[in-house]
Amino acid sequence: MTIALQIAFWLNILGLAYIFAGYPLVVWWKSRTSWTTLVKQNVERPVSIVIVAHNEAHSLPRKLCSLLASTRADWIREILIGSDGSTDDTAAILAVFPDARVKCFDFAERRGKPAVLNELVPQCQSEFVLLADARQEFAPDCLERLLENFTDPTVGVVSGELVLRADDNATTAAQGIGFYWKYEKFIRRCESLWRGVPGATGACYLIRKALFQPIPPQTILDDVAIPMQAVASGYRCLFEPAAQVFDDPSKSSGQESVRKRRTIAGVVQLMQLFPAWLSPFRNPLWFEFVSHKLLRLLAPALMVLALGMNLMLMSVPIYWAILNVQVVFYVSAAVGWLFQQRGRGSSLFGPSLMFVTLNLTTTLALWDAFRANYRVTWQKTT
């Protein structure tokens, strides 16, 4: 019994180690030894931009000015904005915006981003379509950096990099989110250098219009579904860290949890909507998709089992020592939460708080998925 318990314990530890450290190391190594050379050229290519917005009257003018101040703004043929059931002045503000390339489509019924994309992208007049959110601001050369990757005809989608603005007064949660996002971007950068990324940054990604396929209107993760459809068609999805868009991190772990809960539930939904992606014979990025997206769903159960089995084995000195490490880790997360409640920042406790919050959120997201509680429309948390 003790031997079986020890084996099970170490299998749990190995599973967690692979999910959060092993896979990043694998793709880092492959990016160093099996990377694909990409020739980039700065060639003029007309672009259409599609933005889906709900009650973004305050953000859109700044967003549009950011886009039209791009170094290659003359390449922008049109900006199509779908106002998805907005009840503010979004349509009125866009109607008087001083640039004829900006076109507003005011939809009275709120249907969600996928339905609006399905309607607007086919109307675009350019070979390339940039899909963006309403809030984030673009770096001046973002569009140029995205486009230069398409010199390679095998590239179908290119994702930009979301940069979270630094804040000297950042809360513990915000510092933890910043740490997690750097970790996530490291993985994406390595995946891109090796074979490709199983998804894009929803705030900014460019796709060949010919590769866009309508997605189910209930899809939560359009920024995974649309790029992965291109990947399944034999094209590559890349991550371009030089194409930057800027945003502010969530101020609290609660705000981030709401966002992440919806995202993780969306991963489960993808398996239901696109079951073919679970087959290594039909998904060119099967290894990345499973390791990066799906295995993380198992992490909360592995953590609980590891702690429970560790308690059962604590009479053995080595397991007593490991238990102490686990306790210190969870206590540090609790301390980080206390710092957060008092509005204080801590780079020491931020990562552990973020890790525990992420896995608690995963548990809640799995419960949402079990009940088929998918909400395609998004509610602001800030």
Protein backbone atom coordinates (compact mmCIF):
# COMPACT_ATOMS: atom_id res chain seq x y z
CA MET A 1 0.00 0.00 0.00
CA THR A 2 2.77 2.46 0.95
CA ILE A 3 4.74 1.71 -2.22
CA ALA A 4 1.65 2.17 -4.40
CA LEU A 5 0.89 5.43 -2.60
CA GLN A 6 4.43 6.67 -3.13
CA ILE A 7 4.29 5.81 -6.83
CA ALA A 8 0.96 7.62 -7.17
CA PHE A 9 2.35 10.63 -5.31
CA TRP A 10 5.37 10.94 -7.57
CA LEU A 11 3.24 10.48 -10.68
CA ASN A 12 1.17 13.44 -9.51
CA ILE A 13 4.29 15.51 -8.90
CA LEU A 14 5.70 14.56 -12.30
CA GLY A 15 2.39 15.50 -13.93
CA LEU A 16 2.44 18.94 -12.33
CA ALA A 17 6.11 19.36 -13.15
CA TYR A 18 5.48 18.57 -16.82
CA ILE A 19 2.48 20.89 -17.10
CA PHE A 20 4.18 23.95 -15.63
CA ALA A 21 7.90 23.35 -16.21
CA GLY A 22 8.48 20.33 -18.43
CA TYR A 23 6.46 21.49 -21.41
CA PRO A 24 8.00 25.00 -21.41
CA LEU A 25 11.45 23.38 -21.32
CA VAL A 26 10.55 21.05 -24.20
CA VAL A 27 9.37 23.86 -26.47
CA TRP A 28 12.34 26.02 -25.44
CA TRP A 29 14.72 23.22 -26.42
CA LYS A 30 12.88 22.57 -29.70
CA SER A 31 12.91 26.30 -30.48
CA ARG A 32 16.70 26.21 -30.14
CA THR A 33 17.31 23.01 -32.10
CA SER A 34 14.43 22.71 -34.61
CA TRP A 35 13.44 26.29 -35.30
CA THR A 36 12.11 27.29 -38.71
CA THR A 37 13.80 30.16 -40.55
CA LEU A 38 11.34 32.89 -41.49
CA VAL A 39 12.28 35.51 -44.06
CA LYS A 40 10.53 38.80 -43.29
CA GLN A 41 10.00 41.55 -45.84
CA ASN A 42 8.34 44.91 -45.48
CA VAL A 43 5.96 44.86 -48.45
CA GLU A 44 2.89 47.06 -48.74
CA ARG A 45 -0.28 45.06 -48.18
CA PRO A 46 -3.74 46.65 -47.78
CA VAL A 47 -5.41 45.65 -44.53
CA SER A 48 -8.96 45.64 -43.23
CA ILE A 49 -9.49 45.95 -39.48
CA VAL A 50 -12.46 44.48 -37.64
CA ILE A 51 -13.35 45.49 -34.07
CA VAL A 52 -16.31 44.18 -32.11
CA ALA A 53 -17.41 46.57 -29.36
CA HIS A 54 -20.08 46.69 -26.69
CA ASN A 55 -20.52 50.02 -24.90
CA GLU A 56 -17.02 51.24 -25.76
CA ALA A 57 -17.86 54.86 -26.58
CA HIS A 58 -15.14 55.99 -24.19
CA SER A 59 -12.40 53.67 -25.51
CA LEU A 60 -13.00 53.62 -29.27
CA PRO A 61 -11.86 57.16 -30.21
CA ARG A 62 -8.53 56.56 -28.47
CA LYS A 63 -8.28 53.14 -30.11
CA LEU A 64 -8.95 54.53 -33.58
CA CYS A 65 -6.45 57.34 -33.12
CA SER A 66 -3.91 54.72 -32.06
CA LEU A 67 -4.53 52.71 -35.24
CA LEU A 68 -4.56 55.70 -37.57
CA ALA A 69 -1.30 56.97 -36.07
CA SER A 70 0.44 53.76 -37.17
CA THR A 71 3.58 54.07 -39.25
CA ARG A 72 1.69 52.23 -41.99
CA ALA A 73 -1.72 53.82 -41.51
CA ASP A 74 -1.87 54.34 -45.28
CA TRP A 75 -2.09 50.56 -45.64
CA ILE A 76 -5.37 50.52 -43.70
CA ARG A 77 -8.13 50.27 -46.30
CA GLU A 78 -11.06 50.19 -43.88
CA ILE A 79 -11.95 49.79 -40.21
CA LEU A 80 -15.19 47.90 -39.65
CA ILE A 81 -16.63 48.29 -36.17
CA GLY A 82 -19.48 46.07 -35.07
CA SER A 83 -21.41 47.68 -32.23
CA ASP A 84 -22.81 44.58 -30.55
CA GLY A 85 -26.01 45.70 -28.83
CA SER A 86 -24.40 48.85 -27.40
CA THR A 87 -26.63 51.08 -25.29
CA ASP A 88 -24.21 54.01 -25.01
CA ASP A 89 -23.12 56.56 -27.64
CA THR A 90 -20.86 54.18 -29.59
CA ALA A 91 -22.75 54.50 -32.89
CA ALA A 92 -23.22 58.27 -32.57
CA ILE A 93 -19.53 58.88 -31.91
CA LEU A 94 -18.45 56.70 -34.82
CA ALA A 95 -20.93 58.38 -37.16
CA VAL A 96 -19.03 61.67 -36.86
CA PHE A 97 -15.51 60.21 -36.67
CA PRO A 98 -13.36 62.24 -39.11
CA ASP A 99 -12.07 59.39 -41.27
CA ALA A 100 -14.14 57.82 -44.04
CA ARG A 101 -12.41 54.48 -43.60
CA VAL A 102 -14.21 53.97 -40.28
CA LYS A 103 -17.52 52.18 -40.83
CA CYS A 104 -19.93 51.40 -38.01
CA PHE A 105 -22.33 48.46 -38.11
CA ASP A 106 -24.84 49.05 -35.33
CA PHE A 107 -26.46 45.76 -34.31
CA ALA A 108 -29.44 46.27 -32.01
CA GLU A 109 -29.32 42.75 -30.59
CA ARG A 110 -26.31 41.68 -28.57
CA ARG A 111 -25.18 38.37 -30.03
CA GLY A 112 -21.54 38.10 -28.99
CA LYS A 113 -18.23 38.58 -30.78
CA PRO A 114 -18.25 35.38 -32.91
CA ALA A 115 -21.59 36.19 -34.57
CA VAL A 116 -20.43 39.72 -35.41
CA LEU A 117 -17.10 38.47 -36.79
CA ASN A 118 -18.92 35.92 -38.93
CA GLU A 119 -20.93 38.78 -40.44
CA LEU A 120 -18.22 41.42 -40.85
CA VAL A 121 -15.07 39.56 -41.94
CA PRO A 122 -16.61 38.32 -45.23
CA GLN A 123 -17.40 41.97 -46.07
CA CYS A 124 -13.75 43.04 -45.80
CA GLN A 125 -12.16 44.25 -49.02
CA SER A 126 -8.53 43.33 -48.23
CA GLU A 127 -6.46 40.18 -48.46
CA PHE A 128 -5.48 40.56 -44.80
CA VAL A 129 -7.80 41.19 -41.86
CA LEU A 130 -6.70 42.44 -38.45
CA LEU A 131 -8.97 41.35 -35.60
CA ALA A 132 -8.72 43.55 -32.52
CA ASP A 133 -10.47 44.46 -29.28
CA ALA A 134 -11.72 47.94 -28.51
CA ARG A 135 -9.70 48.78 -25.41
CA GLN A 136 -6.00 48.21 -26.05
CA GLU A 137 -3.70 50.76 -27.69
CA PHE A 138 -1.40 49.80 -30.57
CA ALA A 139 2.30 50.55 -30.85
CA PRO A 140 2.97 52.70 -33.96
CA ASP A 141 4.74 49.87 -35.82
CA CYS A 142 2.44 47.04 -34.70
CA LEU A 143 0.71 46.60 -38.05
CA GLU A 144 4.00 46.70 -39.95
CA ARG A 145 5.58 44.07 -37.68
CA LEU A 146 2.60 41.73 -38.14
CA LEU A 147 2.50 42.04 -41.91
CA GLU A 148 6.16 41.36 -42.57
CA ASN A 149 5.66 37.74 -41.46
CA PHE A 150 3.33 37.03 -44.38
CA THR A 151 6.17 36.98 -46.90
CA ASP A 152 6.16 33.25 -46.12
CA PRO A 153 3.12 31.74 -47.91
CA THR A 154 2.76 29.05 -45.22
CA VAL A 155 1.96 31.67 -42.57
CA GLY A 156 -1.78 32.04 -42.12
CA VAL A 157 -2.13 33.90 -38.82
CA VAL A 158 0.18 36.15 -36.82
CA SER A 159 -0.57 37.17 -33.24
CA GLY A 160 0.68 40.34 -31.63
CA GLU A 161 2.01 40.65 -28.09
CA LEU A 162 -0.16 42.05 -25.32
CA VAL A 163 2.05 44.14 -23.03
CA LEU A 164 0.74 44.86 -19.54
CA ARG A 165 1.81 48.33 -18.47
CA ALA A 166 4.15 48.54 -15.50
CA ASP A 167 2.82 50.27 -12.40
CA ASP A 168 5.01 51.25 -9.47
CA ASN A 169 1.93 50.95 -7.23
CA ALA A 170 0.81 47.60 -8.63
CA THR A 171 -1.14 45.38 -6.26
CA THR A 172 0.07 41.90 -5.32
CA ALA A 173 -2.42 40.39 -7.78
CA ALA A 174 -1.28 42.70 -10.58
CA GLN A 175 2.35 41.72 -9.96
CA GLY A 176 1.38 38.06 -9.99
CA ILE A 177 -0.53 38.52 -13.24
CA GLY A 178 2.49 40.26 -14.74
CA PHE A 179 4.70 37.32 -13.76
CA TYR A 180 2.24 34.81 -15.21
CA TRP A 181 1.89 36.75 -18.45
CA LYS A 182 5.68 36.84 -18.94
CA TYR A 183 5.74 33.06 -18.41
CA GLU A 184 2.91 32.60 -20.92
CA LYS A 185 4.60 34.76 -23.55
CA PHE A 186 7.85 32.83 -23.14
CA ILE A 187 5.97 29.65 -24.03
CA ARG A 188 4.27 31.26 -27.03
CA ARG A 189 7.55 32.67 -28.31
CA CYS A 190 9.16 29.24 -28.17
CA GLU A 191 6.17 27.52 -29.79
CA SER A 192 6.23 30.06 -32.60
CA LEU A 193 9.93 29.54 -33.29
CA TRP A 194 9.44 25.78 -33.39
CA ARG A 195 6.22 25.01 -35.28
CA GLY A 196 3.45 27.40 -34.32
CA VAL A 197 1.13 28.63 -31.59
CA PRO A 198 -2.24 26.96 -30.86
CA GLY A 199 -4.12 30.25 -30.65
CA ALA A 200 -3.62 34.00 -30.74
CA THR A 201 -3.89 37.09 -28.56
CA GLY A 202 -7.49 38.24 -28.95
CA ALA A 203 -6.49 41.88 -28.65
CA CYS A 204 -4.49 41.75 -31.88
CA TYR A 205 -4.04 39.14 -34.59
CA LEU A 206 -3.82 39.23 -38.37
CA ILE A 207 -5.23 36.53 -40.66
CA ARG A 208 -5.39 35.93 -44.38
CA LYS A 209 -9.02 36.61 -45.23
CA ALA A 210 -9.17 33.49 -47.42
CA LEU A 211 -8.46 31.36 -44.34
CA PHE A 212 -11.23 32.80 -42.20
CA GLN A 213 -13.97 30.26 -41.56
CA PRO A 214 -17.16 31.11 -39.65
CA ILE A 215 -17.17 29.73 -36.13
CA PRO A 216 -20.13 28.60 -34.02
CA PRO A 217 -21.80 31.73 -32.59
CA GLN A 218 -21.55 30.33 -29.04
CA THR A 219 -17.73 30.06 -29.23
CA ILE A 220 -16.04 31.72 -26.25
CA LEU A 221 -12.43 31.54 -27.48
CA ASP A 222 -12.65 32.97 -30.99
CA ASP A 223 -8.95 33.83 -30.71
CA VAL A 224 -8.17 30.12 -30.50
CA ALA A 225 -10.88 28.76 -32.79
CA ILE A 226 -10.17 31.03 -35.77
CA PRO A 227 -6.35 30.54 -35.78
CA MET A 228 -6.67 26.80 -35.15
CA GLN A 229 -8.98 26.44 -38.14
CA ALA A 230 -6.20 27.96 -40.24
CA VAL A 231 -3.69 25.58 -38.64
CA ALA A 232 -5.96 22.61 -39.39
CA SER A 233 -5.95 23.77 -43.03
CA GLY A 234 -2.16 23.43 -43.15
CA TYR A 235 -1.03 26.98 -42.33
CA ARG A 236 1.09 28.28 -39.47
CA CYS A 237 0.04 30.54 -36.62
CA LEU A 238 2.95 32.64 -35.33
CA PHE A 239 3.56 34.92 -32.36
CA GLU A 240 5.26 38.24 -33.16
CA PRO A 241 6.63 39.85 -29.97
CA ALA A 242 7.59 43.02 -31.85
CA ALA A 243 3.93 43.74 -32.69
CA GLN A 244 2.79 45.20 -29.39
CA VAL A 245 -0.51 46.36 -27.96
CA PHE A 246 -0.80 47.83 -24.48
CA ASP A 247 -3.25 47.28 -21.65
CA ASP A 248 -3.50 47.58 -17.87
CA PRO A 249 -3.45 44.40 -15.74
CA SER A 250 -6.38 43.47 -13.52
CA LYS A 251 -6.08 45.17 -10.14
CA SER A 252 -7.27 42.21 -8.06
CA SER A 253 -7.18 38.43 -8.19
CA GLY A 254 -10.99 38.50 -8.24
CA GLN A 255 -11.11 40.53 -11.45
CA GLU A 256 -8.55 38.27 -13.10
CA SER A 257 -10.42 35.20 -11.89
CA VAL A 258 -13.63 36.29 -13.64
CA ARG A 259 -11.76 36.71 -16.92
CA LYS A 260 -9.76 33.51 -16.58
CA ARG A 261 -12.77 31.44 -15.51
CA ARG A 262 -14.51 32.25 -18.76
CA THR A 263 -11.35 31.52 -20.76
CA ILE A 264 -10.76 28.12 -19.17
CA ALA A 265 -14.39 27.11 -19.62
CA GLY A 266 -13.86 28.08 -23.26
CA VAL A 267 -11.04 25.53 -23.55
CA VAL A 268 -13.43 22.77 -22.51
CA GLN A 269 -15.98 24.10 -24.99
CA LEU A 270 -13.41 23.88 -27.80
CA MET A 271 -13.15 20.12 -27.29
CA GLN A 272 -16.91 19.87 -27.75
CA LEU A 273 -17.09 22.18 -30.78
CA PHE A 274 -13.95 20.91 -32.54
CA PRO A 275 -13.39 17.27 -31.45
CA ALA A 276 -11.13 16.65 -34.47
CA TRP A 277 -8.42 18.75 -32.79
CA LEU A 278 -8.03 15.99 -30.21
CA SER A 279 -6.62 13.71 -32.90
CA PRO A 280 -2.87 13.91 -33.64
CA PHE A 281 -3.71 12.94 -37.22
CA ARG A 282 -5.98 15.94 -37.81
CA ASN A 283 -4.29 18.61 -35.72
CA PRO A 284 -0.77 19.66 -36.85
CA LEU A 285 -0.24 21.29 -33.43
CA TRP A 286 -1.73 18.45 -31.41
CA PHE A 287 1.22 18.22 -29.02
CA GLU A 288 1.16 21.96 -28.31
CA PHE A 289 -2.64 22.09 -28.07
CA VAL A 290 -2.82 19.22 -25.59
CA SER A 291 0.19 20.26 -23.51
CA HIS A 292 -0.48 24.00 -23.45
CA LYS A 293 -4.28 24.09 -23.33
CA LEU A 294 -5.74 20.80 -22.14
CA LEU A 295 -3.37 19.35 -19.54
CA ARG A 296 -3.67 22.48 -17.41
CA LEU A 297 -7.28 21.46 -16.78
CA LEU A 298 -5.93 18.52 -14.75
CA ALA A 299 -3.69 20.63 -12.51
CA PRO A 300 -6.19 21.37 -9.69
CA ALA A 301 -6.96 17.67 -9.21
CA LEU A 302 -3.26 16.81 -9.26
CA MET A 303 -2.54 19.48 -6.65
CA VAL A 304 -5.27 18.21 -4.31
CA LEU A 305 -4.15 14.60 -4.73
CA ALA A 306 -0.50 15.52 -4.18
CA LEU A 307 -1.34 17.31 -0.93
CA GLY A 308 -3.62 14.52 0.29
CA MET A 309 -1.14 11.75 -0.44
CA ASN A 310 1.65 13.83 1.05
CA LEU A 311 -0.31 14.01 4.32
CA MET A 312 -0.73 10.24 4.28
CA LEU A 313 3.01 9.77 3.77
CA MET A 314 4.27 12.42 6.19
CA SER A 315 5.61 9.85 8.67
CA VAL A 316 8.47 9.29 6.20
CA PRO A 317 11.10 12.06 6.63
CA ILE A 318 11.45 12.98 2.95
CA TYR A 319 7.70 13.32 2.57
CA TRP A 320 7.53 15.39 5.75
CA ALA A 321 10.04 17.78 4.18
CA ILE A 322 8.03 17.94 0.93
CA LEU A 323 4.86 18.59 2.93
CA ASN A 324 6.56 21.54 4.60
CA VAL A 325 7.44 22.95 1.19
CA GLN A 326 3.81 22.63 0.11
CA VAL A 327 2.57 24.29 3.29
CA VAL A 328 5.00 27.20 2.89
CA PHE A 329 3.83 27.65 -0.70
CA TYR A 330 0.14 27.77 0.20
CA VAL A 331 0.80 30.02 3.20
CA SER A 332 2.68 32.41 0.92
CA ALA A 333 -0.36 32.50 -1.37
CA ALA A 334 -2.56 33.28 1.65
CA VAL A 335 -0.21 36.07 2.70
CA GLY A 336 -0.33 37.41 -0.84
CA TRP A 337 -4.12 37.44 -0.62
CA LEU A 338 -3.94 39.41 2.64
CA PHE A 339 -1.61 41.91 0.99
CA GLN A 340 -4.09 42.14 -1.86
CA GLN A 341 -7.01 42.80 0.48
CA ARG A 342 -5.10 45.72 1.96
CA GLY A 343 -4.18 47.11 -1.44
CA ARG A 344 -0.48 46.45 -1.00
CA GLY A 345 1.92 45.09 -3.59
CA SER A 346 4.35 42.21 -3.17
CA SER A 347 6.46 40.70 -5.92
CA LEU A 348 7.43 37.92 -3.47
CA PHE A 349 3.91 36.63 -2.84
CA GLY A 350 2.36 37.62 -6.18
CA PRO A 351 3.38 34.50 -8.17
CA SER A 352 2.12 32.02 -5.56
CA LEU A 353 -1.14 33.96 -5.20
CA MET A 354 -1.59 33.93 -8.97
CA PHE A 355 -0.81 30.20 -9.23
CA VAL A 356 -3.31 29.20 -6.54
CA THR A 357 -5.95 31.60 -7.85
CA LEU A 358 -5.50 30.24 -11.37
CA ASN A 359 -6.08 26.68 -10.26
CA LEU A 360 -9.04 27.57 -8.06
CA THR A 361 -10.45 29.37 -11.08
CA THR A 362 -9.83 26.29 -13.23
CA THR A 363 -11.94 24.25 -10.80
CA LEU A 364 -14.80 26.76 -11.05
CA ALA A 365 -14.46 26.84 -14.84
CA LEU A 366 -14.71 23.05 -15.02
CA TRP A 367 -17.89 23.28 -12.97
CA ASP A 368 -19.23 25.84 -15.45
CA ALA A 369 -18.34 23.52 -18.32
CA PHE A 370 -19.94 20.52 -16.60
CA ARG A 371 -23.20 22.50 -16.41
CA ALA A 372 -22.71 23.83 -19.97
CA ASN A 373 -22.74 27.32 -18.47
CA TYR A 374 -21.04 29.09 -21.36
CA ARG A 375 -21.60 32.81 -21.81
CA VAL A 376 -20.43 34.13 -25.15
CA THR A 377 -21.04 37.79 -24.24
CA TRP A 378 -18.44 39.45 -22.05
CA GLN A 379 -19.05 41.63 -19.01
CA LYS A 380 -16.38 44.16 -18.02
CA THR A 381 -14.58 43.51 -14.74
CA THR A 382 -12.73 46.83 -14.55
